[in-house]
Protein backbone atom coordinates (compact mmCIF):
# COMPACT_ATOMS: atom_id res chain seq x y z
CA MET A 1 -9.37 0.46 -5.35
CA MET A 2 -6.34 -1.74 -5.92
CA GLU A 3 -5.46 -4.86 -3.97
CA TYR A 4 -2.20 -6.78 -4.18
CA LYS A 5 -1.66 -10.13 -2.51
CA TYR A 6 1.57 -12.12 -2.73
CA GLN A 7 1.95 -15.86 -2.25
CA ASN A 8 5.06 -17.88 -3.06
CA GLY A 9 5.16 -20.43 -5.90
CA ASP A 10 4.02 -23.49 -3.90
CA GLY A 11 0.78 -21.79 -2.78
CA HIS A 12 1.82 -21.16 0.82
CA SER A 13 2.03 -17.66 2.22
CA ASN A 14 5.59 -16.33 2.41
CA GLN A 15 7.20 -15.34 5.72
CA GLY A 16 6.99 -11.60 4.99
CA LEU A 17 4.34 -9.45 3.42
CA GLU A 18 1.04 -11.30 3.03
CA PHE A 19 -1.38 -8.49 2.08
CA PHE A 20 -0.93 -5.06 0.54
CA GLU A 21 -3.80 -2.69 -0.31
CA VAL A 22 -3.91 0.87 -1.63
CA VAL A 23 -7.23 2.77 -1.67
CA CYS A 24 -7.73 6.20 -3.18
CA ASN A 25 -10.77 8.18 -4.34
CA PRO A 26 -9.43 11.39 -5.92
CA ASN A 27 -12.99 12.52 -6.72
CA ALA A 28 -13.57 13.09 -3.00
CA TYR A 29 -11.07 15.99 -2.98
CA ALA A 30 -11.05 19.44 -4.60
CA THR A 31 -7.98 18.63 -6.73
CA ALA A 32 -5.91 15.52 -7.43
CA PHE A 33 -3.02 17.16 -5.56
CA ASP A 34 -5.14 17.15 -2.37
CA ALA A 35 -6.12 13.48 -2.71
CA LYS A 36 -4.99 11.04 -0.03
CA VAL A 37 -4.34 7.30 -0.18
CA LEU A 38 -5.00 4.70 2.49
CA ILE A 39 -2.33 1.98 2.57
CA THR A 40 -2.75 -1.28 4.50
CA MET A 41 -0.09 -3.98 4.88
CA ARG A 42 -0.35 -7.26 6.81
CA SER A 43 2.47 -9.68 7.57
CA SER A 44 2.15 -13.45 7.67
CA GLU A 45 2.65 -13.20 11.45
CA GLY A 46 -0.54 -11.12 11.76
CA LEU A 47 0.95 -7.62 12.15
CA LYS A 48 -1.28 -5.10 10.35
CA VAL A 49 -0.26 -1.52 9.59
CA THR A 50 -2.57 1.11 8.09
CA THR A 51 -1.47 4.62 7.19
CA GLU A 52 -2.70 7.60 5.19
CA GLY A 53 -0.64 9.87 2.94
CA ARG A 54 -0.90 12.33 0.09
CA LEU A 55 -1.23 10.80 -3.36
CA SER A 56 1.24 13.31 -4.80
CA ASN A 57 3.93 12.10 -2.34
CA LEU A 58 3.37 8.36 -2.80
CA LYS A 59 5.69 7.85 -5.79
CA GLY A 60 8.59 9.69 -4.15
CA ASP A 61 8.16 7.75 -0.91
CA VAL A 62 8.11 4.39 -2.74
CA ASP A 63 11.21 5.34 -4.77
CA THR A 64 13.08 6.35 -1.61
CA PHE A 65 12.14 3.06 0.09
CA LEU A 66 13.26 0.96 -2.89
CA ASP A 67 16.58 2.84 -3.10
CA SER A 68 17.41 2.20 0.58
């Protein structure tokens, strides 16, 4: 499990992304290509989004998002 939490330099939560978590257990699947990841994001305003996707597609999806 990996957890990432961002706070700005003065110790106060920023006005955007407050919490980001990625959870994956590839041992629970027949092959690593079948593995899925659970991604949770929470904004400082309290909006929480959780989604599930294939581990093999995660890198491509992140690259596409960063390029846009």
